[in-house]
Amino acid sequence: MPVIAPNIAAQVIAAGPKPGGPTLVQLATAVGAGVSAWVAANGVVLAGVSSGLVGAGAVTGKYVVVPNPLPVSAAMAAAGVVGVTAPTIAVAVGVGVGTALNIDATYVGACGGVSVGTDQVVTVYADVPTLTAALATAMASVGMVGPTVPQMAAALAAGIAGLVMTGTGTGVVSSAAAGPVPAVSASTSRLV
C-alpha cells in the first residue's frame, strides 16, 4: 500500500495535543503532503540482503520504523526551532509519521542474484533537501507562510529523515524462474 498524505495527516493529528486546533490540522496536512511527495520522488533508498535460489527477481516487502519523537525534537532544537509548542510538535510529527509508515509503507526493488527467496533491508539514504522542498511547498499550500516557515520545513525534514533512517524491512524475492542452487545477493529498493 502506498504512503498517502491523508493517512499521515490523520496520524500526526492523533499523536498531537488534545484539542489540537486548526494550526495542528494545517501542520499535519502539510507534513502528510510533504512526506508522501518525498516518498513518491524516491527520497528514501533501501539496501538489503536477499537469500534463496540463484537468479534475478523482484523484491517486495513491508517497511517498519519505531515511532519516535527524538530525531524530530533534536533536529528542531539544532535548527533553532524552540519554544513552548516545540515538544508537542516533535511528538506529533515523530510519532505520527512513524505510525503512518508502519501502517502504509511497503518497499519494492530488485535483486540480481536471487530469484526466489527472502529479503531484509535497512535505510541507507533519506534525501533531506528534497523533503525540505516538499514540506515548504506543502506548508505554503495550506497557508503556512512567514519568515520562519523555511526554518520549520528544514528542521522537520531533518528530523523526519533521521526517523526514517532507523527503518528496516522484511520481504520476499519473486521471479517466474528459479535456479537450482542456493544464493545470497544484495538488493536495492525504495519506499512506495
Protein backbone atom coordinates (compact mmCIF):
# COMPACT_ATOMS: atom_id res chain seq x y z
CA MET A 1 0.00 0.00 0.00
CA PRO A 2 1.46 3.40 -0.86
CA VAL A 3 2.23 6.09 1.68
CA ILE A 4 -0.60 8.61 1.25
CA ALA A 5 -0.97 12.13 2.64
CA PRO A 6 -4.36 11.81 4.42
CA ASN A 7 -3.17 8.81 6.44
CA ILE A 8 -0.01 10.62 7.55
CA ALA A 9 -2.01 13.73 8.45
CA ALA A 10 -4.50 11.68 10.47
CA GLN A 11 -1.71 10.00 12.45
CA VAL A 12 0.03 13.34 13.15
CA ILE A 13 -3.27 14.75 14.43
CA ALA A 14 -3.86 11.63 16.54
CA ALA A 15 -0.38 11.95 18.09
CA GLY A 16 -0.76 15.68 18.68
CA PRO A 17 -2.08 17.54 21.72
CA LYS A 18 -5.79 17.43 22.54
CA PRO A 19 -7.55 19.59 21.46
CA GLY A 20 -5.26 20.18 18.53
CA GLY A 21 -6.86 23.18 16.89
CA PRO A 22 -6.63 24.48 13.33
CA THR A 23 -2.86 25.03 13.40
CA LEU A 24 -2.25 21.35 14.13
CA VAL A 25 -4.53 20.42 11.23
CA GLN A 26 -2.57 22.77 8.94
CA LEU A 27 0.76 21.33 10.06
CA ALA A 28 -0.46 17.73 9.82
CA THR A 29 -1.84 18.31 6.33
CA ALA A 30 1.46 19.88 5.22
CA VAL A 31 3.54 17.07 6.75
CA GLY A 32 1.30 14.46 5.12
CA ALA A 33 1.55 16.07 1.69
CA GLY A 34 5.28 16.69 2.00
CA VAL A 35 6.22 13.21 3.19
CA SER A 36 4.03 11.44 0.63
CA ALA A 37 5.51 13.58 -2.19
CA TRP A 38 9.02 12.84 -0.89
CA VAL A 39 8.41 9.09 -0.85
CA ALA A 40 6.89 9.25 -4.35
CA ALA A 41 10.00 11.12 -5.56
CA ASN A 42 12.21 8.21 -4.39
CA GLY A 43 13.53 10.21 -1.44
CA VAL A 44 14.28 7.05 0.56
CA VAL A 45 16.74 4.39 -0.62
CA LEU A 46 16.97 0.94 0.98
CA ALA A 47 19.71 -1.66 0.67
CA GLY A 48 19.28 -5.27 1.60
CA VAL A 49 20.41 -8.84 1.53
CA SER A 50 18.37 -11.49 -0.25
CA SER A 51 18.77 -15.22 0.17
CA GLY A 52 17.14 -18.06 -1.74
CA LEU A 53 17.62 -19.65 -5.15
CA VAL A 54 20.01 -18.26 -7.77
CA GLY A 55 18.68 -15.95 -10.48
CA ALA A 56 17.22 -12.44 -10.62
CA GLY A 57 13.97 -11.32 -9.08
CA ALA A 58 11.67 -8.54 -7.97
CA VAL A 59 11.73 -7.54 -4.30
CA THR A 60 8.62 -6.54 -2.32
CA GLY A 61 8.26 -6.12 1.42
CA LYS A 62 6.91 -4.34 4.48
CA TYR A 63 8.78 -1.35 5.91
CA VAL A 64 8.73 -0.52 9.63
CA VAL A 65 10.11 2.28 11.77
CA VAL A 66 9.80 2.91 15.51
CA PRO A 67 7.52 5.95 16.07
CA ASN A 68 9.90 8.21 17.95
CA PRO A 69 9.84 11.97 18.57
CA LEU A 70 13.56 12.20 19.48
CA PRO A 71 15.02 12.67 15.96
CA VAL A 72 12.44 15.37 15.23
CA SER A 73 13.00 17.08 18.58
CA ALA A 74 16.77 17.06 18.14
CA ALA A 75 16.56 18.42 14.59
CA MET A 76 14.17 21.17 15.68
CA ALA A 77 16.49 22.22 18.50
CA ALA A 78 19.53 22.14 16.20
CA ALA A 79 17.73 24.38 13.71
CA GLY A 80 16.71 26.83 16.43
CA VAL A 81 13.04 25.90 16.37
CA VAL A 82 12.37 26.08 20.09
CA GLY A 83 9.53 27.30 22.24
CA VAL A 84 6.57 26.20 24.24
CA THR A 85 4.96 24.13 21.46
CA ALA A 86 8.19 22.62 20.04
CA PRO A 87 7.99 19.43 22.16
CA THR A 88 4.36 18.80 21.22
CA ILE A 89 5.14 19.36 17.53
CA ALA A 90 8.06 16.91 17.77
CA VAL A 91 5.85 14.26 19.39
CA ALA A 92 3.03 14.78 16.89
CA VAL A 93 5.33 14.58 13.86
CA GLY A 94 7.71 11.86 15.10
CA VAL A 95 5.04 9.54 16.43
CA GLY A 96 2.52 10.40 13.69
CA VAL A 97 4.85 9.89 10.73
CA GLY A 98 6.34 6.74 12.29
CA THR A 99 2.90 5.26 12.92
CA ALA A 100 1.69 6.13 9.41
CA LEU A 101 4.74 4.49 7.85
CA ASN A 102 4.16 1.37 9.94
CA ILE A 103 0.60 1.20 8.64
CA ASP A 104 1.18 2.03 4.97
CA ALA A 105 4.82 1.79 3.90
CA THR A 106 5.98 -1.01 1.67
CA TYR A 107 9.06 -1.28 -0.49
CA VAL A 108 9.86 -2.51 -3.98
CA GLY A 109 13.14 -3.19 -5.72
CA ALA A 110 15.30 -5.70 -7.48
CA CYS A 111 17.83 -8.37 -6.69
CA GLY A 112 20.34 -9.50 -9.31
CA GLY A 113 21.48 -12.71 -7.64
CA VAL A 114 18.38 -14.30 -6.08
CA SER A 115 15.22 -15.18 -7.98
CA VAL A 116 13.05 -16.65 -5.21
CA GLY A 117 13.65 -16.12 -1.50
CA THR A 118 13.59 -13.66 1.38
CA ASP A 119 14.85 -10.09 1.68
CA GLN A 120 15.96 -7.91 4.64
CA VAL A 121 16.55 -4.18 4.13
CA VAL A 122 17.80 -1.14 6.03
CA THR A 123 17.50 2.51 5.09
CA VAL A 124 20.75 3.82 3.60
CA TYR A 125 19.69 7.25 2.32
CA ALA A 126 16.98 9.76 3.15
CA ASP A 127 17.11 12.85 0.90
CA VAL A 128 16.76 15.85 3.24
CA PRO A 129 16.86 18.64 0.59
CA THR A 130 14.03 17.03 -1.39
CA LEU A 131 11.95 16.61 1.77
CA THR A 132 12.66 20.20 2.83
CA ALA A 133 11.41 21.48 -0.53
CA ALA A 134 8.34 19.21 -0.41
CA LEU A 135 7.47 20.35 3.12
CA ALA A 136 7.97 24.04 2.28
CA THR A 137 5.71 23.71 -0.76
CA ALA A 138 3.09 21.82 1.23
CA MET A 139 3.23 24.37 4.06
CA ALA A 140 2.63 27.21 1.60
CA SER A 141 -0.26 25.30 0.03
CA VAL A 142 -2.10 25.12 3.37
CA GLY A 143 -1.49 28.77 4.21
CA MET A 144 1.56 28.44 6.44
CA VAL A 145 3.58 31.48 5.40
CA GLY A 146 6.08 33.71 7.12
CA PRO A 147 9.77 34.18 7.72
CA THR A 148 10.17 31.08 9.93
CA VAL A 149 8.44 28.61 7.60
CA PRO A 150 11.68 27.68 5.74
CA GLN A 151 13.38 27.13 9.11
CA MET A 152 10.50 24.90 10.28
CA ALA A 153 10.47 22.97 6.98
CA ALA A 154 14.23 22.35 7.19
CA ALA A 155 14.01 21.28 10.85
CA LEU A 156 11.10 18.90 10.28
CA ALA A 157 12.78 17.47 7.16
CA ALA A 158 15.98 16.70 9.05
CA GLY A 159 14.00 15.13 11.90
CA ILE A 160 11.76 13.03 9.67
CA ALA A 161 14.77 11.89 7.63
CA GLY A 162 16.54 10.94 10.86
CA LEU A 163 13.50 8.95 11.92
CA VAL A 164 13.29 7.19 8.55
CA MET A 165 17.00 6.29 8.69
CA THR A 166 16.14 3.95 11.57
CA GLY A 167 13.68 1.99 9.41
CA THR A 168 14.04 -1.61 8.30
CA GLY A 169 12.02 -4.04 6.25
CA THR A 170 11.35 -7.69 5.58
CA GLY A 171 10.14 -9.02 2.27
CA VAL A 172 10.31 -11.61 -0.47
CA VAL A 173 12.05 -12.01 -3.79
CA SER A 174 9.97 -13.49 -6.59
CA SER A 175 10.52 -14.42 -10.19
CA ALA A 176 8.96 -16.62 -12.86
CA ALA A 177 12.02 -18.88 -12.91
CA ALA A 178 14.27 -20.07 -10.09
CA GLY A 179 17.71 -21.58 -10.38
CA PRO A 180 18.65 -24.94 -8.89
CA VAL A 181 21.23 -23.72 -6.32
CA PRO A 182 21.11 -21.54 -3.21
CA ALA A 183 22.35 -17.96 -3.42
CA VAL A 184 22.79 -14.78 -1.38
CA SER A 185 22.85 -11.37 -3.03
CA ALA A 186 22.40 -7.65 -2.43
CA SER A 187 19.12 -5.93 -3.20
CA THR A 188 18.25 -2.28 -3.82
CA SER A 189 14.79 -0.95 -3.05
CA ARG A 190 12.72 2.19 -2.48
CA LEU A 191 9.67 3.04 -0.41
CA VAL A 192 6.25 3.24 -2.03
